Amino acid sequence: MEEYYRKRAPEYERTYQRDDAIRLKEQQQIAHALKSALKGKEVLEVATGTGYWTRFLSETAASITATDYLDEPLAFAKAKSYSCPITFCREDAYHLSFNDRRFSGGMALLWMSHVPKERLAAFFDEFHRVLTNGAQVFIADSVYVPNQGGKLVRVDGDANTYKLRTLEDGSKHTILKNYYTSTELLAFFGRFTSDLKESDLFFGKHFWYVQYTLRKL
């Protein structure tokens, strides 16, 4: 998957320009919601990628520490202009280098679907470790849409699902891509906060997002 995202970096943001009115509207909803949820916060962003969502967040955040595991997408992110202080750094999302309780806000967009199901708990334990008690968290990802984004494949004995994708250079890749129902998401994120409501989860045709206040650990 690393090779896929290294190669995809130059073409990645074209996915946000698809000629689909519903998809574009949902992207606008995500941008509005994340700016509201993380306003005035010192935010850790995991899986920054090319910085597409980081630009929106910078309009209201106090500061952003934008992280990614790969240099190629980070190079595109660094070339953009932002509206708040921002620090870019290369980080392993499963082993963050930051001190405990460092950030008052956390964001990860289009990342959770690439986390193996057997590592979900470990990732969120590490993510929450560096957030303050009562931090605001915003997570968003894709809803499964048949015949979009490559063929969905399963492997016997594997709880994860995968997509077959072809890049513009013709190279073919099999990437991990998990999808969740609204019921699964409410149950999962409900473990991290004391007051998660159905209204805290948006579940659209193309995307979902959830915002929550991290319960004291």
C-alpha atoms as a PDB file:
ATOM      1  CA  MET A   1       0.000   0.000   0.000  1.00  0.00           C
ATOM      2  CA  GLU A   2       2.957   2.327   0.597  1.00  0.00           C
ATOM      3  CA  GLU A   3       4.011   2.039  -3.048  1.00  0.00           C
ATOM      4  CA  TYR A   4       0.441   2.762  -4.134  1.00  0.00           C
ATOM      5  CA  TYR A   5       0.214   6.015  -2.180  1.00  0.00           C
ATOM      6  CA  ARG A   6       3.688   7.117  -3.189  1.00  0.00           C
ATOM      7  CA  LYS A   7       2.713   6.756  -6.842  1.00  0.00           C
ATOM      8  CA  ARG A   8      -0.782   8.133  -6.323  1.00  0.00           C
ATOM      9  CA  ALA A   9       0.287  11.376  -4.634  1.00  0.00           C
ATOM     10  CA  PRO A  10       0.332  13.483  -7.857  1.00  0.00           C
ATOM     11  CA  GLU A  11      -3.175  12.358  -8.852  1.00  0.00           C
ATOM     12  CA  TYR A  12      -4.735  11.893  -5.410  1.00  0.00           C
ATOM     13  CA  GLU A  13      -6.815  15.063  -5.197  1.00  0.00           C
ATOM     14  CA  ARG A  14      -8.600  14.325  -8.446  1.00  0.00           C
ATOM     15  CA  THR A  15     -10.820  12.036  -6.403  1.00  0.00           C
ATOM     16  CA  TYR A  16     -12.337  15.157  -4.827  1.00  0.00           C
ATOM     17  CA  GLN A  17     -13.198  16.624  -8.230  1.00  0.00           C
ATOM     18  CA  ARG A  18     -15.518  13.902  -9.482  1.00  0.00           C
ATOM     19  CA  ASP A  19     -18.577  15.134 -11.326  1.00  0.00           C
ATOM     20  CA  ASP A  20     -21.062  13.970  -8.698  1.00  0.00           C
ATOM     21  CA  ALA A  21     -23.249  16.588  -7.018  1.00  0.00           C
ATOM     22  CA  ILE A  22     -24.016  14.439  -3.969  1.00  0.00           C
ATOM     23  CA  ARG A  23     -20.367  13.573  -3.423  1.00  0.00           C
ATOM     24  CA  LEU A  24     -19.319  17.228  -3.725  1.00  0.00           C
ATOM     25  CA  LYS A  25     -22.024  18.291  -1.278  1.00  0.00           C
ATOM     26  CA  GLU A  26     -20.893  15.692   1.261  1.00  0.00           C
ATOM     27  CA  GLN A  27     -17.299  16.895   0.930  1.00  0.00           C
ATOM     28  CA  GLN A  28     -18.510  20.413   1.738  1.00  0.00           C
ATOM     29  CA  GLN A  29     -20.381  19.050   4.764  1.00  0.00           C
ATOM     30  CA  ILE A  30     -17.217  17.371   6.021  1.00  0.00           C
ATOM     31  CA  ALA A  31     -15.191  20.567   5.601  1.00  0.00           C
ATOM     32  CA  HIS A  32     -17.781  22.617   7.481  1.00  0.00           C
ATOM     33  CA  ALA A  33     -18.117  20.043  10.268  1.00  0.00           C
ATOM     34  CA  LEU A  34     -14.399  19.590  10.897  1.00  0.00           C
ATOM     35  CA  LYS A  35     -13.827  23.358  11.031  1.00  0.00           C
ATOM     36  CA  SER A  36     -16.575  23.658  13.627  1.00  0.00           C
ATOM     37  CA  ALA A  37     -15.553  20.619  15.686  1.00  0.00           C
ATOM     38  CA  LEU A  38     -11.870  21.582  15.966  1.00  0.00           C
ATOM     39  CA  LYS A  39     -12.125  25.366  16.136  1.00  0.00           C
ATOM     40  CA  GLY A  40      -9.456  26.861  18.363  1.00  0.00           C
ATOM     41  CA  LYS A  41      -7.789  23.496  19.042  1.00  0.00           C
ATOM     42  CA  GLU A  42      -4.167  22.402  18.820  1.00  0.00           C
ATOM     43  CA  VAL A  43      -4.775  19.540  16.424  1.00  0.00           C
ATOM     44  CA  LEU A  44      -2.892  16.378  15.577  1.00  0.00           C
ATOM     45  CA  GLU A  45      -3.804  15.200  12.089  1.00  0.00           C
ATOM     46  CA  VAL A  46      -3.011  11.591  11.207  1.00  0.00           C
ATOM     47  CA  ALA A  47      -2.644  10.607   7.541  1.00  0.00           C
ATOM     48  CA  THR A  48      -2.460  14.160   6.242  1.00  0.00           C
ATOM     49  CA  GLY A  49      -1.704  12.975   2.720  1.00  0.00           C
ATOM     50  CA  THR A  50      -1.534  15.867   0.273  1.00  0.00           C
ATOM     51  CA  GLY A  51      -3.082  18.308   2.747  1.00  0.00           C
ATOM     52  CA  TYR A  52      -6.479  18.596   1.078  1.00  0.00           C
ATOM     53  CA  TRP A  53      -8.425  18.564   4.357  1.00  0.00           C
ATOM     54  CA  THR A  54      -5.635  20.285   6.278  1.00  0.00           C
ATOM     55  CA  ARG A  55      -6.313  23.517   4.397  1.00  0.00           C
ATOM     56  CA  PHE A  56      -9.917  23.581   5.577  1.00  0.00           C
ATOM     57  CA  LEU A  57      -8.929  22.796   9.142  1.00  0.00           C
ATOM     58  CA  SER A  58      -6.352  25.596   9.141  1.00  0.00           C
ATOM     59  CA  GLU A  59      -9.133  28.161   8.752  1.00  0.00           C
ATOM     60  CA  THR A  60     -10.275  27.621  12.364  1.00  0.00           C
ATOM     61  CA  ALA A  61      -7.666  25.552  14.255  1.00  0.00           C
ATOM     62  CA  ALA A  62      -5.188  27.236  16.619  1.00  0.00           C
ATOM     63  CA  SER A  63      -2.390  25.072  15.204  1.00  0.00           C
ATOM     64  CA  ILE A  64      -1.948  21.788  13.338  1.00  0.00           C
ATOM     65  CA  THR A  65       0.689  19.095  13.542  1.00  0.00           C
ATOM     66  CA  ALA A  66       0.170  17.312  10.235  1.00  0.00           C
ATOM     67  CA  THR A  67       1.629  13.830   9.990  1.00  0.00           C
ATOM     68  CA  ASP A  68       1.981  11.118   7.393  1.00  0.00           C
ATOM     69  CA  TYR A  69       4.144   8.044   6.965  1.00  0.00           C
ATOM     70  CA  LEU A  70       5.178   8.886   3.397  1.00  0.00           C
ATOM     71  CA  ASP A  71       7.321  11.762   2.140  1.00  0.00           C
ATOM     72  CA  GLU A  72       5.723  11.929  -1.316  1.00  0.00           C
ATOM     73  CA  PRO A  73       2.227  13.094  -0.273  1.00  0.00           C
ATOM     74  CA  LEU A  74       3.722  15.310   2.453  1.00  0.00           C
ATOM     75  CA  ALA A  75       5.707  17.153  -0.224  1.00  0.00           C
ATOM     76  CA  PHE A  76       2.420  18.161  -1.890  1.00  0.00           C
ATOM     77  CA  ALA A  77       0.966  19.172   1.468  1.00  0.00           C
ATOM     78  CA  LYS A  78       3.954  21.348   2.306  1.00  0.00           C
ATOM     79  CA  ALA A  79       3.559  23.251  -0.966  1.00  0.00           C
ATOM     80  CA  LYS A  80       0.094  24.547   0.001  1.00  0.00           C
ATOM     81  CA  SER A  81      -0.780  27.715   1.906  1.00  0.00           C
ATOM     82  CA  TYR A  82      -2.470  27.544   5.301  1.00  0.00           C
ATOM     83  CA  SER A  83      -4.235  29.942   7.617  1.00  0.00           C
ATOM     84  CA  CYS A  84      -2.776  28.843  10.973  1.00  0.00           C
ATOM     85  CA  PRO A  85       0.626  27.714  12.279  1.00  0.00           C
ATOM     86  CA  ILE A  86       1.375  24.244  10.946  1.00  0.00           C
ATOM     87  CA  THR A  87       4.130  21.696  11.483  1.00  0.00           C
ATOM     88  CA  PHE A  88       4.648  18.770   9.122  1.00  0.00           C
ATOM     89  CA  CYS A  89       6.343  15.599  10.267  1.00  0.00           C
ATOM     90  CA  ARG A  90       6.753  12.004   9.215  1.00  0.00           C
ATOM     91  CA  GLU A  91       5.155   9.684  11.754  1.00  0.00           C
ATOM     92  CA  ASP A  92       4.118   6.075  12.130  1.00  0.00           C
ATOM     93  CA  ALA A  93       0.455   6.304  13.164  1.00  0.00           C
ATOM     94  CA  TYR A  94       0.807   3.183  15.308  1.00  0.00           C
ATOM     95  CA  HIS A  95       3.852   4.515  17.185  1.00  0.00           C
ATOM     96  CA  LEU A  96       3.558   8.298  17.531  1.00  0.00           C
ATOM     97  CA  SER A  97       6.583  10.161  18.863  1.00  0.00           C
ATOM     98  CA  PHE A  98       4.607  12.756  20.833  1.00  0.00           C
ATOM     99  CA  ASN A  99       4.271  12.996  24.608  1.00  0.00           C
ATOM    100  CA  ASP A 100       1.078  11.929  26.355  1.00  0.00           C
ATOM    101  CA  ARG A 101      -1.805  14.445  26.386  1.00  0.00           C
ATOM    102  CA  ARG A 102      -0.073  16.775  23.922  1.00  0.00           C
ATOM    103  CA  PHE A 103      -3.006  17.859  21.684  1.00  0.00           C
ATOM    104  CA  SER A 104      -6.483  19.245  22.403  1.00  0.00           C
ATOM    105  CA  GLY A 105      -7.870  18.020  19.078  1.00  0.00           C
ATOM    106  CA  GLY A 106      -7.378  15.029  16.791  1.00  0.00           C
ATOM    107  CA  MET A 107      -8.346  14.361  13.172  1.00  0.00           C
ATOM    108  CA  ALA A 108      -7.955  11.441  10.776  1.00  0.00           C
ATOM    109  CA  LEU A 109      -9.699  11.495   7.403  1.00  0.00           C
ATOM    110  CA  LEU A 110      -9.821   8.552   4.999  1.00  0.00           C
ATOM    111  CA  TRP A 111      -7.403   6.636   7.200  1.00  0.00           C
ATOM    112  CA  MET A 112      -9.519   4.289   9.301  1.00  0.00           C
ATOM    113  CA  SER A 113     -10.526   2.275   6.226  1.00  0.00           C
ATOM    114  CA  HIS A 114      -6.833   1.451   5.688  1.00  0.00           C
ATOM    115  CA  VAL A 115      -6.290   0.171   9.217  1.00  0.00           C
ATOM    116  CA  PRO A 116      -6.478  -3.634   9.464  1.00  0.00           C
ATOM    117  CA  LYS A 117      -9.390  -4.565  11.687  1.00  0.00           C
ATOM    118  CA  GLU A 118      -7.055  -6.454  13.995  1.00  0.00           C
ATOM    119  CA  ARG A 119      -5.081  -3.222  14.574  1.00  0.00           C
ATOM    120  CA  LEU A 120      -7.988  -0.800  15.062  1.00  0.00           C
ATOM    121  CA  ALA A 121      -7.918  -0.927  18.855  1.00  0.00           C
ATOM    122  CA  ALA A 122      -4.139  -0.465  18.939  1.00  0.00           C
ATOM    123  CA  PHE A 123      -4.286   2.534  16.612  1.00  0.00           C
ATOM    124  CA  PHE A 124      -6.967   4.343  18.592  1.00  0.00           C
ATOM    125  CA  ASP A 125      -5.213   3.596  21.898  1.00  0.00           C
ATOM    126  CA  GLU A 126      -2.089   5.290  20.515  1.00  0.00           C
ATOM    127  CA  PHE A 127      -4.030   8.155  18.896  1.00  0.00           C
ATOM    128  CA  HIS A 128      -5.925   8.887  22.104  1.00  0.00           C
ATOM    129  CA  ARG A 129      -2.731   8.638  24.177  1.00  0.00           C
ATOM    130  CA  VAL A 130      -1.432  11.917  22.763  1.00  0.00           C
ATOM    131  CA  LEU A 131      -4.767  13.752  23.149  1.00  0.00           C
ATOM    132  CA  THR A 132      -5.826  15.610  26.274  1.00  0.00           C
ATOM    133  CA  ASN A 133      -8.720  14.363  28.364  1.00  0.00           C
ATOM    134  CA  GLY A 134     -11.782  16.004  26.848  1.00  0.00           C
ATOM    135  CA  ALA A 135     -10.081  16.546  23.482  1.00  0.00           C
ATOM    136  CA  GLN A 136     -12.293  16.987  20.436  1.00  0.00           C
ATOM    137  CA  VAL A 137     -11.916  14.269  17.800  1.00  0.00           C
ATOM    138  CA  PHE A 138     -13.062  14.206  14.175  1.00  0.00           C
ATOM    139  CA  ILE A 139     -12.873  11.042  12.043  1.00  0.00           C
ATOM    140  CA  ALA A 140     -14.205  10.610   8.495  1.00  0.00           C
ATOM    141  CA  ASP A 141     -13.996   7.975   5.806  1.00  0.00           C
ATOM    142  CA  SER A 142     -15.692   6.355   2.840  1.00  0.00           C
ATOM    143  CA  VAL A 143     -19.024   4.598   2.516  1.00  0.00           C
ATOM    144  CA  TYR A 144     -19.024   1.589   0.223  1.00  0.00           C
ATOM    145  CA  VAL A 145     -20.418   2.446  -3.202  1.00  0.00           C
ATOM    146  CA  PRO A 146     -20.677  -0.499  -5.624  1.00  0.00           C
ATOM    147  CA  ASN A 147     -18.649  -0.164  -8.841  1.00  0.00           C
ATOM    148  CA  GLN A 148     -16.709   2.854  -7.567  1.00  0.00           C
ATOM    149  CA  GLY A 149     -13.034   3.037  -6.624  1.00  0.00           C
ATOM    150  CA  GLY A 150     -12.083  -0.378  -7.919  1.00  0.00           C
ATOM    151  CA  LYS A 151     -13.356  -3.905  -7.458  1.00  0.00           C
ATOM    152  CA  LEU A 152     -13.963  -5.030  -3.868  1.00  0.00           C
ATOM    153  CA  VAL A 153     -12.325  -8.370  -3.053  1.00  0.00           C
ATOM    154  CA  ARG A 154     -12.271 -10.656  -0.028  1.00  0.00           C
ATOM    155  CA  VAL A 155      -9.791 -13.276   1.095  1.00  0.00           C
ATOM    156  CA  ASP A 156     -10.889 -16.482   2.817  1.00  0.00           C
ATOM    157  CA  GLY A 157     -10.195 -16.297   6.541  1.00  0.00           C
ATOM    158  CA  ASP A 158      -9.439 -12.553   6.445  1.00  0.00           C
ATOM    159  CA  ALA A 159     -11.857 -10.136   8.127  1.00  0.00           C
ATOM    160  CA  ASN A 160     -10.538  -7.265   6.014  1.00  0.00           C
ATOM    161  CA  THR A 161     -11.611  -6.287   2.505  1.00  0.00           C
ATOM    162  CA  TYR A 162      -9.478  -5.012  -0.363  1.00  0.00           C
ATOM    163  CA  LYS A 163      -9.823  -2.906  -3.506  1.00  0.00           C
ATOM    164  CA  LEU A 164      -8.202  -3.544  -6.884  1.00  0.00           C
ATOM    165  CA  ARG A 165      -7.080  -0.217  -8.315  1.00  0.00           C
ATOM    166  CA  THR A 166      -5.222   1.014 -11.389  1.00  0.00           C
ATOM    167  CA  LEU A 167      -3.241   4.262 -11.365  1.00  0.00           C
ATOM    168  CA  GLU A 168      -2.803   6.619 -14.288  1.00  0.00           C
ATOM    169  CA  ASP A 169       0.600   5.071 -15.075  1.00  0.00           C
ATOM    170  CA  GLY A 170      -1.154   1.743 -15.620  1.00  0.00           C
ATOM    171  CA  SER A 171       0.207   0.070 -12.489  1.00  0.00           C
ATOM    172  CA  LYS A 172      -2.227  -2.186 -10.644  1.00  0.00           C
ATOM    173  CA  HIS A 173      -2.482  -2.408  -6.875  1.00  0.00           C
ATOM    174  CA  THR A 174      -4.422  -4.321  -4.229  1.00  0.00           C
ATOM    175  CA  ILE A 175      -5.013  -2.091  -1.206  1.00  0.00           C
ATOM    176  CA  LEU A 176      -6.691  -2.714   2.114  1.00  0.00           C
ATOM    177  CA  LYS A 177     -10.015  -0.858   2.266  1.00  0.00           C
ATOM    178  CA  ASN A 178     -12.522  -1.634   5.019  1.00  0.00           C
ATOM    179  CA  TYR A 179     -16.065  -0.293   5.177  1.00  0.00           C
ATOM    180  CA  TYR A 180     -18.398   0.012   8.159  1.00  0.00           C
ATOM    181  CA  THR A 181     -22.112   0.380   8.742  1.00  0.00           C
ATOM    182  CA  SER A 182     -23.545   3.212  10.806  1.00  0.00           C
ATOM    183  CA  THR A 183     -24.441   0.710  13.545  1.00  0.00           C
ATOM    184  CA  GLU A 184     -20.861  -0.568  13.683  1.00  0.00           C
ATOM    185  CA  LEU A 185     -19.478   2.963  13.848  1.00  0.00           C
ATOM    186  CA  LEU A 186     -21.772   4.065  16.689  1.00  0.00           C
ATOM    187  CA  ALA A 187     -20.866   0.981  18.687  1.00  0.00           C
ATOM    188  CA  PHE A 188     -17.142   1.396  18.046  1.00  0.00           C
ATOM    189  CA  PHE A 189     -16.814   5.111  18.816  1.00  0.00           C
ATOM    190  CA  GLY A 190     -19.231   4.909  21.703  1.00  0.00           C
ATOM    191  CA  ARG A 191     -16.438   3.254  23.688  1.00  0.00           C
ATOM    192  CA  PHE A 192     -14.352   6.426  23.633  1.00  0.00           C
ATOM    193  CA  THR A 193     -16.846   9.007  24.834  1.00  0.00           C
ATOM    194  CA  SER A 194     -19.571   9.222  27.446  1.00  0.00           C
ATOM    195  CA  ASP A 195     -22.246  10.915  25.366  1.00  0.00           C
ATOM    196  CA  LEU A 196     -22.098   9.790  21.715  1.00  0.00           C
ATOM    197  CA  LYS A 197     -25.439  10.437  20.015  1.00  0.00           C
ATOM    198  CA  GLU A 198     -26.749   9.339  16.631  1.00  0.00           C
ATOM    199  CA  SER A 199     -26.576  12.997  15.570  1.00  0.00           C
ATOM    200  CA  ASP A 200     -22.789  12.929  16.135  1.00  0.00           C
ATOM    201  CA  LEU A 201     -22.495  10.535  13.198  1.00  0.00           C
ATOM    202  CA  PHE A 202     -23.195  11.593   9.624  1.00  0.00           C
ATOM    203  CA  PHE A 203     -23.618   8.650   7.254  1.00  0.00           C
ATOM    204  CA  GLY A 204     -24.109   9.691   3.658  1.00  0.00           C
ATOM    205  CA  LYS A 205     -23.993   8.067   0.238  1.00  0.00           C
ATOM    206  CA  HIS A 206     -20.235   8.481  -0.207  1.00  0.00           C
ATOM    207  CA  PHE A 207     -18.770   9.495   3.159  1.00  0.00           C
ATOM    208  CA  TRP A 208     -19.341   9.258   6.887  1.00  0.00           C
ATOM    209  CA  TYR A 209     -17.933  11.322   9.717  1.00  0.00           C
ATOM    210  CA  VAL A 210     -18.114  11.260  13.493  1.00  0.00           C
ATOM    211  CA  GLN A 211     -17.165  13.853  16.093  1.00  0.00           C
ATOM    212  CA  TYR A 212     -16.779  13.124  19.798  1.00  0.00           C
ATOM    213  CA  THR A 213     -15.303  14.382  23.044  1.00  0.00           C
ATOM    214  CA  LEU A 214     -12.650  12.014  24.345  1.00  0.00           C
ATOM    215  CA  ARG A 215     -13.623  10.557  27.694  1.00  0.00           C
ATOM    216  CA  LYS A 216     -11.115  10.944  30.528  1.00  0.00           C
ATOM    217  CA  LEU A 217      -8.703   8.012  30.456  1.00  0.00           C
END
